[in-house]
């Protein structure tokens, strides 16, 4: 299922129901910090990092299984993420979305946050939004903060930084 954007203007209750939709058939962009945190849990970047070129930029993407296009860290039996405590920043944002421009969705309006003009959305197809027994309330401010952090870290993620990270990780393994 694709993201069905709905304007996100006030806090909403949320609970992950392990529907698995967010863990399949999507590009999960990785920042250098994401890669470092996952590798710090004992996972080899060769096993979970792949590349994509978009708009002339190299992007690091979480690998997927060929047989179902599911994330390599998604457990298909339980529906749970095997790296949940160190999951990528973009995974912490979903089922929400932060945009620098409107998408043309009815009811959308800009959200001002720390001097930034953003448009916030949630995926109306996510069954965890407005769950009956929510685990948490998610606020637009929380998502705006994560979105800005992701944008900043993604911009600084490049091949040079990746090479340095791999060298550092390999050096740590020699001790």
Protein backbone atom coordinates (compact mmCIF):
# COMPACT_ATOMS: atom_id res chain seq x y z
CA UNK A 1 0.00 0.00 0.00
CA UNK A 2 1.31 3.46 -0.82
CA UNK A 3 1.36 6.45 1.50
CA UNK A 4 -2.06 8.17 1.57
CA UNK A 5 -1.29 11.64 2.97
CA UNK A 6 -3.65 13.28 5.42
CA UNK A 7 -2.81 16.70 6.93
CA UNK A 8 -1.27 16.34 10.40
CA UNK A 9 -2.17 19.42 12.42
CA UNK A 10 -2.84 18.19 15.96
CA UNK A 11 -1.61 15.29 18.13
CA UNK A 12 -2.89 11.85 17.18
CA UNK A 13 -2.94 8.59 19.12
CA UNK A 14 -0.65 5.92 17.71
CA UNK A 15 0.20 2.28 18.31
CA UNK A 16 2.14 0.06 15.93
CA UNK A 17 -0.13 -2.87 15.03
CA UNK A 18 2.57 -4.71 13.04
CA UNK A 19 0.60 -4.56 9.81
CA UNK A 20 3.98 -4.82 8.03
CA UNK A 21 3.16 -2.28 5.32
CA UNK A 22 5.87 0.18 6.32
CA UNK A 23 8.52 -2.58 6.25
CA UNK A 24 7.92 -3.69 2.65
CA UNK A 25 8.43 -2.20 -0.78
CA UNK A 26 9.77 1.17 0.38
CA UNK A 27 13.13 2.88 0.17
CA UNK A 28 14.36 3.33 3.73
CA UNK A 29 16.99 6.05 3.49
CA UNK A 30 19.91 5.79 5.85
CA UNK A 31 22.04 8.50 7.38
CA UNK A 32 25.61 7.86 8.44
CA UNK A 33 24.41 7.92 12.06
CA UNK A 34 21.80 5.24 11.25
CA UNK A 35 24.47 3.02 9.69
CA UNK A 36 26.81 3.57 12.63
CA UNK A 37 24.13 2.73 15.22
CA UNK A 38 23.04 -0.45 13.41
CA UNK A 39 26.65 -1.54 12.90
CA UNK A 40 27.24 -0.86 16.59
CA UNK A 41 24.74 -3.63 17.34
CA UNK A 42 26.97 -6.12 15.51
CA UNK A 43 25.48 -5.91 12.01
CA UNK A 44 27.87 -5.68 9.06
CA UNK A 45 27.00 -2.75 6.74
CA UNK A 46 27.65 -5.08 3.78
CA UNK A 47 24.58 -7.01 4.91
CA UNK A 48 22.17 -4.09 5.23
CA UNK A 49 23.34 -1.11 3.12
CA UNK A 50 22.63 -0.69 -0.56
CA UNK A 51 22.76 2.38 -2.81
CA UNK A 52 20.37 4.39 -4.92
CA UNK A 53 21.01 7.37 -7.15
CA UNK A 54 18.21 9.92 -7.07
CA UNK A 55 18.28 13.39 -8.56
CA UNK A 56 22.01 13.02 -9.17
CA UNK A 57 22.65 12.24 -5.50
CA UNK A 58 23.92 9.01 -4.04
CA UNK A 59 21.61 7.75 -1.29
CA UNK A 60 22.22 4.93 1.15
CA UNK A 61 19.22 2.63 1.47
CA UNK A 62 18.36 -0.25 3.77
CA UNK A 63 18.59 -3.58 1.94
CA UNK A 64 15.46 -5.62 1.27
CA UNK A 65 14.80 -9.33 0.92
CA UNK A 66 14.29 -10.38 -2.69
CA UNK A 67 11.39 -12.74 -2.01
CA UNK A 68 8.99 -10.15 -0.52
CA UNK A 69 10.82 -6.79 -0.74
CA UNK A 70 10.73 -6.68 3.06
CA UNK A 71 13.37 -4.92 5.10
CA UNK A 72 16.24 -7.24 6.01
CA UNK A 73 15.62 -6.49 9.70
CA UNK A 74 11.90 -7.19 9.60
CA UNK A 75 10.93 -10.52 11.17
CA UNK A 76 8.18 -11.89 8.90
CA UNK A 77 6.97 -14.31 11.60
CA UNK A 78 6.35 -11.75 14.35
CA UNK A 79 6.00 -8.61 12.24
CA UNK A 80 8.51 -6.93 14.52
CA UNK A 81 11.71 -5.08 13.79
CA UNK A 82 14.85 -6.87 14.95
CA UNK A 83 16.69 -3.55 15.39
CA UNK A 84 13.85 -1.48 16.79
CA UNK A 85 15.92 0.33 19.48
CA UNK A 86 18.37 1.53 16.78
CA UNK A 87 15.99 1.68 13.82
CA UNK A 88 16.76 4.32 11.18
CA UNK A 89 15.54 7.87 11.74
CA UNK A 90 13.14 7.68 8.80
CA UNK A 91 11.52 4.62 10.46
CA UNK A 92 11.03 6.67 13.61
CA UNK A 93 9.15 9.24 11.53
CA UNK A 94 6.79 6.85 9.72
CA UNK A 95 3.71 6.82 9.45
CA UNK A 96 4.24 10.58 9.36
CA UNK A 97 5.82 12.71 6.67
CA UNK A 98 7.48 16.12 6.63
CA UNK A 99 7.55 18.15 3.41
CA UNK A 100 9.03 21.51 2.45
CA UNK A 101 6.08 22.18 0.13
CA UNK A 102 2.39 21.34 0.05
CA UNK A 103 1.27 18.12 -1.63
CA UNK A 104 -2.11 19.45 -2.74
CA UNK A 105 -4.09 17.53 -0.11
CA UNK A 106 -7.37 18.99 1.09
CA UNK A 107 -7.04 20.73 4.45
CA UNK A 108 -3.26 21.05 4.42
CA UNK A 109 -1.64 24.16 5.83
CA UNK A 110 1.91 25.14 6.67
CA UNK A 111 3.30 24.35 10.11
CA UNK A 112 5.80 26.84 11.49
CA UNK A 113 8.51 25.19 13.55
CA UNK A 114 11.75 26.83 14.73
CA UNK A 115 11.58 29.35 11.90
CA UNK A 116 10.92 26.65 9.30
CA UNK A 117 7.79 26.36 7.17
CA UNK A 118 6.81 22.70 6.84
CA UNK A 119 3.82 20.67 5.75
CA UNK A 120 3.09 17.66 7.91
CA UNK A 121 1.10 14.57 7.00
CA UNK A 122 0.28 11.13 8.31
CA UNK A 123 -0.51 7.99 6.34
CA UNK A 124 -4.25 7.48 6.60
CA UNK A 125 -3.81 3.87 5.47
CA UNK A 126 -1.77 3.09 8.62
CA UNK A 127 -4.07 1.18 11.02
CA UNK A 128 -2.02 2.36 14.01
CA UNK A 129 -3.14 5.98 13.59
CA UNK A 130 -6.03 6.71 15.97
CA UNK A 131 -5.66 3.21 17.45
CA UNK A 132 -8.22 2.32 20.14
CA UNK A 133 -5.55 1.57 22.75
CA UNK A 134 -2.70 3.85 21.71
CA UNK A 135 0.82 3.49 23.07
CA UNK A 136 1.49 7.19 22.67
CA UNK A 137 0.25 10.53 21.39
CA UNK A 138 2.38 11.91 18.57
CA UNK A 139 2.55 15.67 18.19
CA UNK A 140 3.28 17.72 15.08
CA UNK A 141 6.24 19.27 16.93
CA UNK A 142 7.83 15.85 17.50
CA UNK A 143 7.53 14.93 13.84
CA UNK A 144 8.74 18.35 12.65
CA UNK A 145 11.83 17.97 14.86
CA UNK A 146 12.56 14.48 13.51
CA UNK A 147 11.96 15.62 9.93
CA UNK A 148 14.40 18.51 10.22
CA UNK A 149 16.97 16.26 11.91
CA UNK A 150 16.58 13.66 9.13
CA UNK A 151 16.93 16.26 6.38
CA UNK A 152 20.07 17.70 8.00
CA UNK A 153 21.71 14.29 8.54
CA UNK A 154 20.77 12.99 5.09
CA UNK A 155 22.37 16.04 3.45
CA UNK A 156 25.64 15.25 5.26
CA UNK A 157 25.56 11.58 4.27
CA UNK A 158 27.93 10.97 1.37
CA UNK A 159 30.41 8.41 0.05
CA UNK A 160 33.36 10.08 1.78
CA UNK A 161 31.64 9.92 5.16
CA UNK A 162 30.60 6.33 4.49
CA UNK A 163 34.18 5.34 3.64
CA UNK A 164 35.42 6.99 6.85
CA UNK A 165 32.74 5.21 8.88
CA UNK A 166 33.64 1.81 7.39
CA UNK A 167 37.32 2.42 8.06
CA UNK A 168 36.54 3.38 11.65
CA UNK A 169 34.30 0.33 12.13
CA UNK A 170 36.96 -1.98 10.71
CA UNK A 171 39.55 -0.36 13.00
CA UNK A 172 37.31 -1.00 16.02
CA UNK A 173 37.07 -4.65 15.06
CA UNK A 174 40.87 -5.07 15.05
CA UNK A 175 41.25 -4.37 18.75
